[in-house]
Amino acid sequence: NATLGEPASPEEPAAGDYVQICVTDTGCGMSPSVRARVFEPFFTTKEIGKGSGLGLSQVLGFAKQSNGGIRIDTVEGQGTSICIFLTRSDLAEDRAETAISYDSATAQTPARILIVDDDDAVRQIAADILRDRSYDVVEVGSAGAAFDVLQSQTNIDLLLLDFAMPGMSGAEVAQRVRTRYPRLPILFVTGYADRATLAGINEAQTIGKPFRGEDLCMKIASALNRYMSAAERPV
């Protein structure tokens, strides 16, 4: 537990009571120029192919969406401490109610889902979660591969689409997909802290990183149910 005063930087939370989770290393630390850009999407000091530059921006997005924030203490040549602050709650989660909602929402929604994400690890986690719930899953790592699948396979029931991809963004992919498949349900996965980038996309169409398996499946089941209900309406 931690009680904080007024924030010293934009990524820190407002004054108040929080739960603090801190990770510390004894690595190379950060220079002032790197520290200034550390939360910038796609900024990375790693070699090409070794990182997407989205890790800390996703962590900040999750913390801010949870009414919390992050504090970084770093000394070049000595190491870094990254502290995540999440709002403290006095309420215990009702796990039984969550399980009932999840089971009832997903019990009658068999579907084939196309996952599009350039991050292999995130894509694999999502695919494993959905396969464990008996969904049929197709995985691709780029917009071009997604278009190839949609063109060659006519039985895709939902598109699970990473919003922040290099090259063609998720929003651009969705725009092209909707011109040809206007009724295909699309669910965006995003780690962005700035929700303004999702203007015009409602909460039912998005799920933030990191996500729980139950939350992902409930979002997908809800999107599929809306699609099925619309398909059954008379024209």
C-alpha atoms as a PDB file:
ATOM      1  CA  ASN A   1       0.000   0.000   0.000  1.00  0.00           C
ATOM      2  CA  ALA A   2       1.204   3.509  -0.825  1.00  0.00           C
ATOM      3  CA  THR A   3      -0.139   7.020  -0.251  1.00  0.00           C
ATOM      4  CA  LEU A   4       1.042   9.496  -2.886  1.00  0.00           C
ATOM      5  CA  GLY A   5       1.210  13.270  -3.016  1.00  0.00           C
ATOM      6  CA  GLU A   6       0.814  15.426  -6.112  1.00  0.00           C
ATOM      7  CA  PRO A   7       2.324  13.872  -9.278  1.00  0.00           C
ATOM      8  CA  ALA A   8       5.756  15.011 -10.451  1.00  0.00           C
ATOM      9  CA  SER A   9       5.255  13.839 -14.075  1.00  0.00           C
ATOM     10  CA  PRO A  10       2.271  13.148 -16.413  1.00  0.00           C
ATOM     11  CA  GLU A  11       2.527   9.367 -16.091  1.00  0.00           C
ATOM     12  CA  GLU A  12       2.204   9.444 -12.292  1.00  0.00           C
ATOM     13  CA  PRO A  13      -1.289   9.149 -10.733  1.00  0.00           C
ATOM     14  CA  ALA A  14      -3.158  11.833  -8.833  1.00  0.00           C
ATOM     15  CA  ALA A  15      -2.639  12.156  -5.093  1.00  0.00           C
ATOM     16  CA  GLY A  16      -4.345   9.372  -3.147  1.00  0.00           C
ATOM     17  CA  ASP A  17      -4.166   5.800  -1.842  1.00  0.00           C
ATOM     18  CA  TYR A  18      -2.835   3.075  -4.130  1.00  0.00           C
ATOM     19  CA  VAL A  19      -1.475  -0.437  -4.304  1.00  0.00           C
ATOM     20  CA  GLN A  20       2.145  -0.290  -5.496  1.00  0.00           C
ATOM     21  CA  ILE A  21       3.845  -2.971  -7.604  1.00  0.00           C
ATOM     22  CA  CYS A  22       7.538  -2.269  -8.149  1.00  0.00           C
ATOM     23  CA  VAL A  23      10.054  -3.995 -10.442  1.00  0.00           C
ATOM     24  CA  THR A  24      13.745  -3.154 -10.029  1.00  0.00           C
ATOM     25  CA  ASP A  25      16.808  -4.209 -12.015  1.00  0.00           C
ATOM     26  CA  THR A  26      20.542  -3.596 -11.743  1.00  0.00           C
ATOM     27  CA  GLY A  27      21.038  -3.090 -15.467  1.00  0.00           C
ATOM     28  CA  CYS A  28      22.359  -0.190 -17.527  1.00  0.00           C
ATOM     29  CA  GLY A  29      19.706   2.323 -16.482  1.00  0.00           C
ATOM     30  CA  MET A  30      18.367   4.994 -18.817  1.00  0.00           C
ATOM     31  CA  SER A  31      19.932   8.162 -20.166  1.00  0.00           C
ATOM     32  CA  PRO A  32      17.823  11.346 -19.858  1.00  0.00           C
ATOM     33  CA  SER A  33      17.007  11.190 -23.591  1.00  0.00           C
ATOM     34  CA  VAL A  34      15.789   7.575 -23.340  1.00  0.00           C
ATOM     35  CA  ARG A  35      13.834   8.307 -20.144  1.00  0.00           C
ATOM     36  CA  ALA A  36      12.043  11.156 -21.905  1.00  0.00           C
ATOM     37  CA  ARG A  37      10.747   8.818 -24.644  1.00  0.00           C
ATOM     38  CA  VAL A  38      10.262   5.577 -22.725  1.00  0.00           C
ATOM     39  CA  PHE A  39       6.421   5.636 -22.938  1.00  0.00           C
ATOM     40  CA  GLU A  40       6.337   6.619 -26.604  1.00  0.00           C
ATOM     41  CA  PRO A  41       4.694   3.865 -28.715  1.00  0.00           C
ATOM     42  CA  PHE A  42       7.174   2.014 -30.982  1.00  0.00           C
ATOM     43  CA  PHE A  43      10.217   3.643 -29.343  1.00  0.00           C
ATOM     44  CA  THR A  44      12.799   0.998 -28.427  1.00  0.00           C
ATOM     45  CA  THR A  45      16.538   0.781 -27.777  1.00  0.00           C
ATOM     46  CA  LYS A  46      16.605  -2.887 -28.786  1.00  0.00           C
ATOM     47  CA  GLU A  47      17.872  -4.234 -32.082  1.00  0.00           C
ATOM     48  CA  ILE A  48      15.477  -4.575 -35.006  1.00  0.00           C
ATOM     49  CA  GLY A  49      13.319  -7.653 -34.470  1.00  0.00           C
ATOM     50  CA  LYS A  50      14.039  -7.807 -30.734  1.00  0.00           C
ATOM     51  CA  GLY A  51      11.175  -5.643 -29.504  1.00  0.00           C
ATOM     52  CA  SER A  52       8.136  -3.681 -30.685  1.00  0.00           C
ATOM     53  CA  GLY A  53       8.583  -0.643 -28.427  1.00  0.00           C
ATOM     54  CA  LEU A  54       5.057  -1.093 -27.072  1.00  0.00           C
ATOM     55  CA  GLY A  55       5.742  -2.765 -23.720  1.00  0.00           C
ATOM     56  CA  LEU A  56       5.838   0.256 -21.420  1.00  0.00           C
ATOM     57  CA  SER A  57       3.202   2.161 -23.397  1.00  0.00           C
ATOM     58  CA  GLN A  58       0.851  -0.801 -22.853  1.00  0.00           C
ATOM     59  CA  VAL A  59       1.683  -0.921 -19.147  1.00  0.00           C
ATOM     60  CA  LEU A  60       1.020   2.815 -18.832  1.00  0.00           C
ATOM     61  CA  GLY A  61      -2.229   2.428 -20.760  1.00  0.00           C
ATOM     62  CA  PHE A  62      -3.426  -0.299 -18.412  1.00  0.00           C
ATOM     63  CA  ALA A  63      -2.458   1.712 -15.322  1.00  0.00           C
ATOM     64  CA  LYS A  64      -4.112   4.918 -16.548  1.00  0.00           C
ATOM     65  CA  GLN A  65      -7.289   3.097 -17.615  1.00  0.00           C
ATOM     66  CA  SER A  66      -7.404   1.725 -14.065  1.00  0.00           C
ATOM     67  CA  ASN A  67      -7.141   5.268 -12.619  1.00  0.00           C
ATOM     68  CA  GLY A  68      -3.535   4.667 -11.614  1.00  0.00           C
ATOM     69  CA  GLY A  69      -0.149   5.500 -13.056  1.00  0.00           C
ATOM     70  CA  ILE A  70       3.582   4.776 -13.156  1.00  0.00           C
ATOM     71  CA  ARG A  71       6.715   6.211 -11.562  1.00  0.00           C
ATOM     72  CA  ILE A  72      10.194   5.523 -12.952  1.00  0.00           C
ATOM     73  CA  ASP A  73      13.437   6.008 -11.000  1.00  0.00           C
ATOM     74  CA  THR A  74      16.543   5.331 -13.059  1.00  0.00           C
ATOM     75  CA  VAL A  75      20.272   5.982 -12.764  1.00  0.00           C
ATOM     76  CA  GLU A  76      22.428   5.457 -15.832  1.00  0.00           C
ATOM     77  CA  GLY A  77      24.891   2.650 -15.224  1.00  0.00           C
ATOM     78  CA  GLN A  78      23.140   1.452 -12.061  1.00  0.00           C
ATOM     79  CA  GLY A  79      19.607   0.305 -12.865  1.00  0.00           C
ATOM     80  CA  THR A  80      15.931   1.181 -12.986  1.00  0.00           C
ATOM     81  CA  SER A  81      12.868   0.888 -10.760  1.00  0.00           C
ATOM     82  CA  ILE A  82       9.415   0.976 -12.355  1.00  0.00           C
ATOM     83  CA  CYS A  83       6.521   1.305  -9.919  1.00  0.00           C
ATOM     84  CA  ILE A  84       2.939   0.738 -11.027  1.00  0.00           C
ATOM     85  CA  PHE A  85       0.210   2.308  -8.881  1.00  0.00           C
ATOM     86  CA  LEU A  86      -3.344   0.925  -8.976  1.00  0.00           C
ATOM     87  CA  THR A  87      -6.272   2.365  -7.054  1.00  0.00           C
ATOM     88  CA  ARG A  88      -6.956   0.638  -3.776  1.00  0.00           C
ATOM     89  CA  SER A  89     -10.343  -1.067  -3.359  1.00  0.00           C
ATOM     90  CA  ASP A  90     -12.245  -2.265  -0.321  1.00  0.00           C
ATOM     91  CA  LEU A  91     -14.510  -4.524  -2.410  1.00  0.00           C
ATOM     92  CA  ALA A  92     -13.825  -8.214  -2.975  1.00  0.00           C
ATOM     93  CA  GLU A  93     -14.422  -9.483  -6.507  1.00  0.00           C
ATOM     94  CA  ASP A  94     -17.411 -11.773  -6.920  1.00  0.00           C
ATOM     95  CA  ARG A  95     -15.682 -14.574  -8.831  1.00  0.00           C
ATOM     96  CA  ALA A  96     -18.776 -16.808  -8.871  1.00  0.00           C
ATOM     97  CA  GLU A  97     -20.869 -14.147 -10.574  1.00  0.00           C
ATOM     98  CA  THR A  98     -18.136 -13.535 -13.158  1.00  0.00           C
ATOM     99  CA  ALA A  99     -17.924 -17.240 -13.940  1.00  0.00           C
ATOM    100  CA  ILE A 100     -21.684 -17.521 -14.401  1.00  0.00           C
ATOM    101  CA  SER A 101     -21.750 -14.520 -16.741  1.00  0.00           C
ATOM    102  CA  TYR A 102     -18.890 -15.924 -18.780  1.00  0.00           C
ATOM    103  CA  ASP A 103     -20.359 -19.416 -19.107  1.00  0.00           C
ATOM    104  CA  SER A 104     -23.803 -18.187 -20.135  1.00  0.00           C
ATOM    105  CA  ALA A 105     -22.360 -15.721 -22.640  1.00  0.00           C
ATOM    106  CA  THR A 106     -20.149 -18.249 -24.398  1.00  0.00           C
ATOM    107  CA  ALA A 107     -22.124 -21.474 -24.179  1.00  0.00           C
ATOM    108  CA  GLN A 108     -23.837 -21.153 -27.574  1.00  0.00           C
ATOM    109  CA  THR A 109     -21.392 -19.176 -29.701  1.00  0.00           C
ATOM    110  CA  PRO A 110     -19.213 -21.619 -31.696  1.00  0.00           C
ATOM    111  CA  ALA A 111     -17.190 -19.594 -34.185  1.00  0.00           C
ATOM    112  CA  ARG A 112     -14.038 -19.332 -36.277  1.00  0.00           C
ATOM    113  CA  ILE A 113     -11.924 -16.351 -35.245  1.00  0.00           C
ATOM    114  CA  LEU A 114      -9.136 -14.670 -37.203  1.00  0.00           C
ATOM    115  CA  ILE A 115      -6.479 -13.134 -34.911  1.00  0.00           C
ATOM    116  CA  VAL A 116      -4.305 -10.406 -36.459  1.00  0.00           C
ATOM    117  CA  ASP A 117      -1.375  -9.242 -34.299  1.00  0.00           C
ATOM    118  CA  ASP A 118       2.263  -8.603 -35.191  1.00  0.00           C
ATOM    119  CA  ASP A 119       3.364  -9.537 -31.636  1.00  0.00           C
ATOM    120  CA  ASP A 120       3.887 -13.304 -31.690  1.00  0.00           C
ATOM    121  CA  ALA A 121       3.610 -13.680 -27.901  1.00  0.00           C
ATOM    122  CA  VAL A 122       0.353 -11.733 -27.570  1.00  0.00           C
ATOM    123  CA  ARG A 123      -1.143 -13.491 -30.582  1.00  0.00           C
ATOM    124  CA  GLN A 124      -0.246 -16.918 -29.170  1.00  0.00           C
ATOM    125  CA  ILE A 125      -1.721 -16.117 -25.759  1.00  0.00           C
ATOM    126  CA  ALA A 126      -5.004 -14.989 -27.313  1.00  0.00           C
ATOM    127  CA  ALA A 127      -5.106 -18.054 -29.565  1.00  0.00           C
ATOM    128  CA  ASP A 128      -4.472 -20.424 -26.652  1.00  0.00           C
ATOM    129  CA  ILE A 129      -7.229 -18.777 -24.593  1.00  0.00           C
ATOM    130  CA  LEU A 130      -9.752 -19.099 -27.408  1.00  0.00           C
ATOM    131  CA  ARG A 131      -8.814 -22.657 -28.333  1.00  0.00           C
ATOM    132  CA  ASP A 132      -9.238 -23.648 -24.690  1.00  0.00           C
ATOM    133  CA  ARG A 133     -12.836 -22.352 -25.035  1.00  0.00           C
ATOM    134  CA  SER A 134     -13.349 -24.521 -28.151  1.00  0.00           C
ATOM    135  CA  TYR A 135     -13.162 -21.676 -30.665  1.00  0.00           C
ATOM    136  CA  ASP A 136     -11.647 -22.424 -34.065  1.00  0.00           C
ATOM    137  CA  VAL A 137      -8.713 -20.016 -34.477  1.00  0.00           C
ATOM    138  CA  VAL A 138      -6.663 -18.758 -37.424  1.00  0.00           C
ATOM    139  CA  GLU A 139      -3.558 -16.689 -36.576  1.00  0.00           C
ATOM    140  CA  VAL A 140      -1.691 -14.194 -38.774  1.00  0.00           C
ATOM    141  CA  GLY A 141       0.936 -11.559 -38.020  1.00  0.00           C
ATOM    142  CA  SER A 142       0.231  -8.885 -40.618  1.00  0.00           C
ATOM    143  CA  ALA A 143      -2.505  -7.017 -42.443  1.00  0.00           C
ATOM    144  CA  GLY A 144      -1.542  -8.596 -45.779  1.00  0.00           C
ATOM    145  CA  ALA A 145      -1.855 -12.100 -44.376  1.00  0.00           C
ATOM    146  CA  ALA A 146      -5.240 -11.204 -42.891  1.00  0.00           C
ATOM    147  CA  PHE A 147      -6.555 -10.071 -46.280  1.00  0.00           C
ATOM    148  CA  ASP A 148      -5.298 -13.325 -47.846  1.00  0.00           C
ATOM    149  CA  VAL A 149      -7.173 -15.402 -45.245  1.00  0.00           C
ATOM    150  CA  LEU A 150     -10.388 -13.424 -45.655  1.00  0.00           C
ATOM    151  CA  GLN A 151     -10.204 -13.790 -49.415  1.00  0.00           C
ATOM    152  CA  SER A 152      -9.517 -17.536 -49.359  1.00  0.00           C
ATOM    153  CA  GLN A 153     -11.748 -18.525 -46.439  1.00  0.00           C
ATOM    154  CA  THR A 154     -15.404 -17.563 -46.334  1.00  0.00           C
ATOM    155  CA  ASN A 155     -16.192 -18.959 -42.895  1.00  0.00           C
ATOM    156  CA  ILE A 156     -14.491 -16.374 -40.631  1.00  0.00           C
ATOM    157  CA  ASP A 157     -17.019 -15.288 -37.996  1.00  0.00           C
ATOM    158  CA  LEU A 158     -15.050 -12.587 -36.159  1.00  0.00           C
ATOM    159  CA  LEU A 159     -11.863 -10.562 -36.608  1.00  0.00           C
ATOM    160  CA  LEU A 160      -9.730  -9.995 -33.472  1.00  0.00           C
ATOM    161  CA  LEU A 161      -7.497  -7.145 -34.559  1.00  0.00           C
ATOM    162  CA  ASP A 162      -4.519  -5.443 -32.901  1.00  0.00           C
ATOM    163  CA  PHE A 163      -5.092  -1.696 -33.078  1.00  0.00           C
ATOM    164  CA  ALA A 164      -1.412  -0.643 -33.074  1.00  0.00           C
ATOM    165  CA  MET A 165       0.493  -2.481 -35.806  1.00  0.00           C
ATOM    166  CA  PRO A 166       3.464  -1.203 -37.826  1.00  0.00           C
ATOM    167  CA  GLY A 167       2.716  -0.402 -41.432  1.00  0.00           C
ATOM    168  CA  MET A 168      -1.062  -0.569 -41.690  1.00  0.00           C
ATOM    169  CA  SER A 169      -2.830   0.162 -38.410  1.00  0.00           C
ATOM    170  CA  GLY A 170      -5.769  -1.822 -37.111  1.00  0.00           C
ATOM    171  CA  ALA A 171      -8.107   1.043 -37.963  1.00  0.00           C
ATOM    172  CA  GLU A 172      -6.911   1.020 -41.589  1.00  0.00           C
ATOM    173  CA  VAL A 173      -7.256  -2.748 -41.783  1.00  0.00           C
ATOM    174  CA  ALA A 174     -10.795  -2.549 -40.403  1.00  0.00           C
ATOM    175  CA  GLN A 175     -11.758   0.148 -42.901  1.00  0.00           C
ATOM    176  CA  ARG A 176     -10.643  -2.012 -45.824  1.00  0.00           C
ATOM    177  CA  VAL A 177     -12.268  -5.136 -44.403  1.00  0.00           C
ATOM    178  CA  ARG A 178     -15.612  -3.375 -43.906  1.00  0.00           C
ATOM    179  CA  THR A 179     -15.778  -2.248 -47.521  1.00  0.00           C
ATOM    180  CA  ARG A 180     -15.851  -5.904 -48.589  1.00  0.00           C
ATOM    181  CA  TYR A 181     -17.255  -7.640 -45.480  1.00  0.00           C
ATOM    182  CA  PRO A 182     -19.507  -5.002 -43.898  1.00  0.00           C
ATOM    183  CA  ARG A 183     -21.196  -7.413 -41.464  1.00  0.00           C
ATOM    184  CA  LEU A 184     -18.054  -9.133 -40.156  1.00  0.00           C
ATOM    185  CA  PRO A 185     -17.729  -8.403 -36.395  1.00  0.00           C
ATOM    186  CA  ILE A 186     -14.415  -6.742 -35.468  1.00  0.00           C
ATOM    187  CA  LEU A 187     -12.958  -6.557 -31.961  1.00  0.00           C
ATOM    188  CA  PHE A 188      -9.932  -4.285 -31.455  1.00  0.00           C
ATOM    189  CA  VAL A 189      -7.158  -5.157 -28.991  1.00  0.00           C
ATOM    190  CA  THR A 190      -5.318  -2.050 -27.795  1.00  0.00           C
ATOM    191  CA  GLY A 191      -2.764  -0.997 -25.217  1.00  0.00           C
ATOM    192  CA  TYR A 192      -2.884   2.707 -25.984  1.00  0.00           C
ATOM    193  CA  ALA A 193      -3.088   5.126 -23.061  1.00  0.00           C
ATOM    194  CA  ASP A 194      -4.615   7.850 -25.243  1.00  0.00           C
ATOM    195  CA  ARG A 195      -8.211   6.791 -25.843  1.00  0.00           C
ATOM    196  CA  ALA A 196      -8.623   9.642 -28.342  1.00  0.00           C
ATOM    197  CA  THR A 197      -6.968   7.390 -30.932  1.00  0.00           C
ATOM    198  CA  LEU A 198     -10.055   5.154 -30.695  1.00  0.00           C
ATOM    199  CA  ALA A 199     -12.509   7.916 -31.589  1.00  0.00           C
ATOM    200  CA  GLY A 200     -15.600   6.455 -33.220  1.00  0.00           C
ATOM    201  CA  ILE A 201     -14.981   2.982 -31.804  1.00  0.00           C
ATOM    202  CA  ASN A 202     -17.217   2.129 -28.856  1.00  0.00           C
ATOM    203  CA  GLU A 203     -16.226   0.219 -25.734  1.00  0.00           C
ATOM    204  CA  ALA A 204     -18.036  -2.943 -26.877  1.00  0.00           C
ATOM    205  CA  GLN A 205     -15.640  -3.154 -29.842  1.00  0.00           C
ATOM    206  CA  THR A 206     -12.420  -2.897 -27.826  1.00  0.00           C
ATOM    207  CA  ILE A 207     -10.487  -4.818 -25.188  1.00  0.00           C
ATOM    208  CA  GLY A 208      -7.398  -3.388 -23.531  1.00  0.00           C
ATOM    209  CA  LYS A 209      -4.061  -5.104 -23.043  1.00  0.00           C
ATOM    210  CA  PRO A 210      -3.375  -6.903 -20.805  1.00  0.00           C
ATOM    211  CA  PHE A 211      -6.655  -8.807 -20.679  1.00  0.00           C
ATOM    212  CA  ARG A 212      -8.025 -11.788 -18.770  1.00  0.00           C
ATOM    213  CA  GLY A 213      -9.207 -14.828 -20.686  1.00  0.00           C
ATOM    214  CA  GLU A 214     -12.720 -14.462 -19.279  1.00  0.00           C
ATOM    215  CA  ASP A 215     -12.928 -10.829 -20.389  1.00  0.00           C
ATOM    216  CA  LEU A 216     -11.714 -11.610 -23.899  1.00  0.00           C
ATOM    217  CA  CYS A 217     -14.210 -14.439 -24.331  1.00  0.00           C
ATOM    218  CA  MET A 218     -17.091 -12.383 -22.974  1.00  0.00           C
ATOM    219  CA  LYS A 219     -16.299  -9.566 -25.425  1.00  0.00           C
ATOM    220  CA  ILE A 220     -16.135 -12.032 -28.311  1.00  0.00           C
ATOM    221  CA  ALA A 221     -19.345 -13.793 -27.268  1.00  0.00           C
ATOM    222  CA  SER A 222     -21.138 -10.458 -26.992  1.00  0.00           C
ATOM    223  CA  ALA A 223     -19.961  -9.385 -30.466  1.00  0.00           C
ATOM    224  CA  LEU A 224     -21.009 -12.713 -31.962  1.00  0.00           C
ATOM    225  CA  ASN A 225     -24.413 -12.574 -30.269  1.00  0.00           C
ATOM    226  CA  ARG A 226     -25.018  -9.077 -31.658  1.00  0.00           C
ATOM    227  CA  TYR A 227     -24.026 -10.319 -35.104  1.00  0.00           C
ATOM    228  CA  MET A 228     -26.289 -13.376 -34.907  1.00  0.00           C
ATOM    229  CA  SER A 229     -29.209 -11.272 -33.655  1.00  0.00           C
ATOM    230  CA  ALA A 230     -28.779  -8.808 -36.534  1.00  0.00           C
ATOM    231  CA  ALA A 231     -28.585 -11.652 -39.056  1.00  0.00           C
ATOM    232  CA  GLU A 232     -31.922 -13.033 -37.863  1.00  0.00           C
ATOM    233  CA  ARG A 233     -33.794  -9.749 -38.222  1.00  0.00           C
ATOM    234  CA  PRO A 234     -36.094  -9.479 -41.249  1.00  0.00           C
ATOM    235  CA  VAL A 235     -34.857  -7.148 -43.981  1.00  0.00           C
END
